[in-house]
């Protein structure tokens, strides 16, 4: 229990994503055709909603991960400028 209290927000997010991944794999493994048209529709709607939320999360995290950072050449140029 202590590890959950002391985890960072990033650690918590990664743990939750891993849990969701495990859940999705379980759904894939257990998925059967419900045969009832209404049940098929309900399943599709639920999965499409999950997909939309997941894609929104992917976009947000890509923005975080790929935010602009200096290249090694830019860092070297800054260091050279600071030497003067």
N, C-alpha and C. Protein backbone atom coordinates (compact mmCIF):
# COMPACT_ATOMS: atom_id res chain seq x y z
N UNK A 1 0.82 -1.19 0.00
CA UNK A 1 0.00 0.00 0.00
C UNK A 1 0.87 1.26 0.00
N UNK A 2 1.98 1.22 0.71
CA UNK A 2 2.86 2.37 0.81
C UNK A 2 3.37 2.81 -0.56
N UNK A 3 3.67 1.83 -1.46
CA UNK A 3 4.19 2.19 -2.78
C UNK A 3 3.18 2.99 -3.59
N UNK A 4 1.88 2.78 -3.38
CA UNK A 4 0.87 3.54 -4.10
C UNK A 4 0.80 4.98 -3.58
N UNK A 5 1.00 5.15 -2.30
CA UNK A 5 0.96 6.48 -1.71
C UNK A 5 2.16 7.31 -2.15
N UNK A 6 3.30 6.67 -2.27
CA UNK A 6 4.53 7.39 -2.59
C UNK A 6 4.82 7.48 -4.08
N UNK A 7 3.99 6.90 -4.95
CA UNK A 7 4.28 6.93 -6.37
C UNK A 7 4.03 8.32 -6.94
N UNK A 8 4.78 8.65 -7.99
CA UNK A 8 4.59 9.92 -8.66
C UNK A 8 3.36 9.85 -9.55
N UNK A 9 2.93 10.99 -10.03
CA UNK A 9 1.77 10.98 -10.93
C UNK A 9 2.09 10.22 -12.22
N UNK A 10 3.32 10.29 -12.68
CA UNK A 10 3.71 9.54 -13.88
C UNK A 10 3.69 8.05 -13.60
N UNK A 11 4.23 7.63 -12.47
CA UNK A 11 4.20 6.21 -12.11
C UNK A 11 2.76 5.71 -12.00
N UNK A 12 1.89 6.52 -11.43
CA UNK A 12 0.49 6.15 -11.30
C UNK A 12 -0.15 6.01 -12.67
N UNK A 13 0.14 6.96 -13.57
CA UNK A 13 -0.43 6.91 -14.93
C UNK A 13 0.05 5.66 -15.66
N UNK A 14 1.34 5.36 -15.57
CA UNK A 14 1.89 4.17 -16.24
C UNK A 14 1.24 2.91 -15.66
N UNK A 15 1.10 2.84 -14.35
CA UNK A 15 0.47 1.67 -13.71
C UNK A 15 -0.96 1.51 -14.19
N UNK A 16 -1.68 2.60 -14.29
CA UNK A 16 -3.07 2.54 -14.74
C UNK A 16 -3.17 2.12 -16.21
N UNK A 17 -2.28 2.65 -17.03
CA UNK A 17 -2.28 2.26 -18.45
C UNK A 17 -1.96 0.78 -18.58
N UNK A 18 -0.98 0.30 -17.82
CA UNK A 18 -0.65 -1.13 -17.86
C UNK A 18 -1.85 -1.98 -17.43
N UNK A 19 -2.59 -1.50 -16.45
CA UNK A 19 -3.78 -2.21 -16.01
C UNK A 19 -4.84 -2.24 -17.11
N UNK A 20 -5.01 -1.12 -17.78
CA UNK A 20 -5.96 -1.07 -18.91
C UNK A 20 -5.53 -2.00 -20.03
N UNK A 21 -4.24 -2.04 -20.31
CA UNK A 21 -3.72 -2.93 -21.35
C UNK A 21 -4.02 -4.38 -21.00
N UNK A 22 -3.79 -4.76 -19.76
CA UNK A 22 -4.08 -6.11 -19.31
C UNK A 22 -5.57 -6.41 -19.48
N UNK A 23 -6.41 -5.45 -19.10
CA UNK A 23 -7.85 -5.63 -19.24
C UNK A 23 -8.25 -5.80 -20.69
N UNK A 24 -7.67 -5.00 -21.58
CA UNK A 24 -8.00 -5.11 -23.01
C UNK A 24 -7.58 -6.47 -23.56
N UNK A 25 -6.43 -6.95 -23.15
CA UNK A 25 -5.98 -8.27 -23.60
C UNK A 25 -6.94 -9.35 -23.11
N UNK A 26 -7.42 -9.22 -21.89
CA UNK A 26 -8.39 -10.17 -21.35
C UNK A 26 -9.69 -10.14 -22.16
N UNK A 27 -10.13 -8.95 -22.54
CA UNK A 27 -11.34 -8.83 -23.34
C UNK A 27 -11.15 -9.52 -24.69
N UNK A 28 -10.01 -9.30 -25.32
CA UNK A 28 -9.72 -9.94 -26.60
C UNK A 28 -9.75 -11.46 -26.45
N UNK A 29 -9.12 -11.96 -25.41
CA UNK A 29 -9.06 -13.40 -25.18
C UNK A 29 -10.44 -14.01 -24.94
N UNK A 30 -11.33 -13.26 -24.29
CA UNK A 30 -12.64 -13.79 -23.90
C UNK A 30 -13.76 -13.41 -24.86
N UNK A 31 -13.47 -12.61 -25.87
CA UNK A 31 -14.50 -12.08 -26.75
C UNK A 31 -15.16 -13.18 -27.58
N UNK A 32 -16.48 -13.17 -27.54
CA UNK A 32 -17.28 -14.07 -28.37
C UNK A 32 -18.37 -13.23 -29.03
N UNK A 33 -18.83 -13.68 -30.16
CA UNK A 33 -19.91 -12.99 -30.86
C UNK A 33 -21.19 -13.13 -30.05
N UNK A 34 -21.77 -12.02 -29.59
CA UNK A 34 -22.97 -12.10 -28.78
C UNK A 34 -24.20 -12.60 -29.56
N UNK A 35 -24.14 -12.59 -30.88
CA UNK A 35 -25.18 -13.07 -31.78
C UNK A 35 -26.43 -12.19 -31.77
N UNK A 36 -26.75 -11.57 -30.66
CA UNK A 36 -27.88 -10.65 -30.57
C UNK A 36 -27.46 -9.30 -31.16
N UNK A 37 -28.25 -8.77 -32.08
CA UNK A 37 -27.90 -7.52 -32.77
C UNK A 37 -27.73 -6.36 -31.79
N UNK A 38 -28.59 -6.26 -30.82
CA UNK A 38 -28.50 -5.17 -29.84
C UNK A 38 -27.22 -5.29 -29.01
N UNK A 39 -26.89 -6.51 -28.61
CA UNK A 39 -25.66 -6.73 -27.84
C UNK A 39 -24.42 -6.42 -28.68
N UNK A 40 -24.46 -6.79 -29.96
CA UNK A 40 -23.35 -6.46 -30.85
C UNK A 40 -23.18 -4.96 -30.95
N UNK A 41 -24.29 -4.25 -31.10
CA UNK A 41 -24.25 -2.79 -31.20
C UNK A 41 -23.71 -2.17 -29.92
N UNK A 42 -24.19 -2.66 -28.77
CA UNK A 42 -23.71 -2.13 -27.49
C UNK A 42 -22.20 -2.33 -27.35
N UNK A 43 -21.73 -3.50 -27.74
CA UNK A 43 -20.30 -3.81 -27.66
C UNK A 43 -19.51 -2.88 -28.57
N UNK A 44 -20.00 -2.70 -29.80
CA UNK A 44 -19.30 -1.83 -30.74
C UNK A 44 -19.26 -0.39 -30.25
N UNK A 45 -20.38 0.11 -29.76
CA UNK A 45 -20.42 1.49 -29.25
C UNK A 45 -19.44 1.66 -28.09
N UNK A 46 -19.41 0.71 -27.18
CA UNK A 46 -18.50 0.79 -26.03
C UNK A 46 -17.04 0.77 -26.49
N UNK A 47 -16.72 -0.10 -27.44
CA UNK A 47 -15.34 -0.19 -27.92
C UNK A 47 -14.94 1.05 -28.71
N UNK A 48 -15.86 1.59 -29.51
CA UNK A 48 -15.54 2.81 -30.26
C UNK A 48 -15.33 4.00 -29.32
N UNK A 49 -16.08 4.06 -28.24
CA UNK A 49 -15.89 5.13 -27.25
C UNK A 49 -14.52 4.97 -26.59
N UNK A 50 -14.17 3.75 -26.24
CA UNK A 50 -12.86 3.47 -25.66
C UNK A 50 -11.76 3.89 -26.63
N UNK A 51 -11.93 3.56 -27.89
CA UNK A 51 -10.95 3.91 -28.91
C UNK A 51 -10.76 5.43 -29.00
N UNK A 52 -11.86 6.17 -29.01
CA UNK A 52 -11.79 7.64 -29.09
C UNK A 52 -11.04 8.22 -27.90
N UNK A 53 -11.34 7.72 -26.72
CA UNK A 53 -10.65 8.20 -25.52
C UNK A 53 -9.17 7.84 -25.58
N UNK A 54 -8.87 6.62 -26.01
CA UNK A 54 -7.48 6.18 -26.12
C UNK A 54 -6.71 7.04 -27.13
N UNK A 55 -7.32 7.34 -28.26
CA UNK A 55 -6.64 8.16 -29.27
C UNK A 55 -6.41 9.59 -28.76
N UNK A 56 -7.35 10.11 -28.00
CA UNK A 56 -7.17 11.43 -27.40
C UNK A 56 -5.99 11.41 -26.42
N UNK A 57 -5.91 10.35 -25.64
CA UNK A 57 -4.79 10.19 -24.70
C UNK A 57 -3.47 10.06 -25.45
N UNK A 58 -3.46 9.30 -26.53
CA UNK A 58 -2.24 9.15 -27.34
C UNK A 58 -1.80 10.52 -27.86
N UNK A 59 -2.72 11.31 -28.37
CA UNK A 59 -2.37 12.65 -28.87
C UNK A 59 -1.79 13.52 -27.76
N UNK A 60 -2.41 13.49 -26.59
CA UNK A 60 -1.92 14.29 -25.47
C UNK A 60 -0.51 13.87 -25.06
N UNK A 61 -0.29 12.56 -24.94
CA UNK A 61 1.01 12.07 -24.49
C UNK A 61 2.08 12.28 -25.56
N UNK A 62 1.72 12.16 -26.83
CA UNK A 62 2.69 12.48 -27.89
C UNK A 62 3.13 13.93 -27.79
N UNK A 63 2.19 14.81 -27.49
CA UNK A 63 2.54 16.22 -27.33
C UNK A 63 3.50 16.43 -26.17
N UNK A 64 3.30 15.69 -25.10
CA UNK A 64 4.20 15.77 -23.95
C UNK A 64 5.57 15.18 -24.30
N UNK A 65 5.56 14.00 -24.91
CA UNK A 65 6.82 13.29 -25.18
C UNK A 65 7.66 13.97 -26.25
N UNK A 66 7.03 14.53 -27.26
CA UNK A 66 7.78 15.07 -28.40
C UNK A 66 7.87 16.59 -28.38
N UNK A 67 7.62 17.19 -27.22
CA UNK A 67 7.76 18.64 -27.17
C UNK A 67 9.17 19.04 -27.56
N UNK A 68 9.30 20.25 -28.02
CA UNK A 68 10.58 20.67 -28.58
C UNK A 68 11.68 20.66 -27.52
N UNK A 69 12.79 20.03 -27.88
CA UNK A 69 13.99 20.07 -27.05
C UNK A 69 15.16 20.43 -27.95
N UNK A 70 16.17 20.99 -27.36
CA UNK A 70 17.35 21.38 -28.12
C UNK A 70 18.08 20.16 -28.67
N UNK A 71 18.61 20.32 -29.88
CA UNK A 71 19.45 19.27 -30.45
C UNK A 71 20.85 19.40 -29.86
N UNK A 72 21.67 18.37 -29.97
CA UNK A 72 23.05 18.48 -29.47
C UNK A 72 23.81 19.65 -30.10
N UNK A 73 23.57 19.91 -31.38
CA UNK A 73 24.25 21.03 -32.04
C UNK A 73 23.82 22.37 -31.44
N UNK A 74 22.53 22.49 -31.12
CA UNK A 74 22.03 23.73 -30.52
C UNK A 74 22.60 23.91 -29.11
N UNK A 75 22.72 22.83 -28.38
CA UNK A 75 23.31 22.90 -27.04
C UNK A 75 24.75 23.35 -27.12
N UNK A 76 25.51 22.77 -28.06
CA UNK A 76 26.91 23.16 -28.24
C UNK A 76 27.03 24.62 -28.62
N UNK A 77 26.15 25.09 -29.51
CA UNK A 77 26.17 26.49 -29.94
C UNK A 77 25.90 27.41 -28.76
N UNK A 78 24.97 27.04 -27.89
CA UNK A 78 24.67 27.84 -26.71
C UNK A 78 25.86 27.89 -25.76
N UNK A 79 26.52 26.73 -25.61
CA UNK A 79 27.68 26.69 -24.72
C UNK A 79 28.80 27.55 -25.29
N UNK A 80 28.99 27.53 -26.59
CA UNK A 80 30.02 28.36 -27.21
C UNK A 80 29.69 29.84 -27.03
N UNK A 81 28.42 30.21 -27.16
CA UNK A 81 28.01 31.60 -26.97
C UNK A 81 28.23 32.05 -25.54
N UNK A 82 28.07 31.16 -24.58
CA UNK A 82 28.24 31.51 -23.18
C UNK A 82 29.71 31.62 -22.79
N UNK A 83 30.60 31.03 -23.60
CA UNK A 83 32.02 31.12 -23.31
C UNK A 83 32.58 32.51 -23.55
N UNK A 84 31.90 33.32 -24.31
CA UNK A 84 32.41 34.66 -24.60
C UNK A 84 32.02 35.59 -23.55
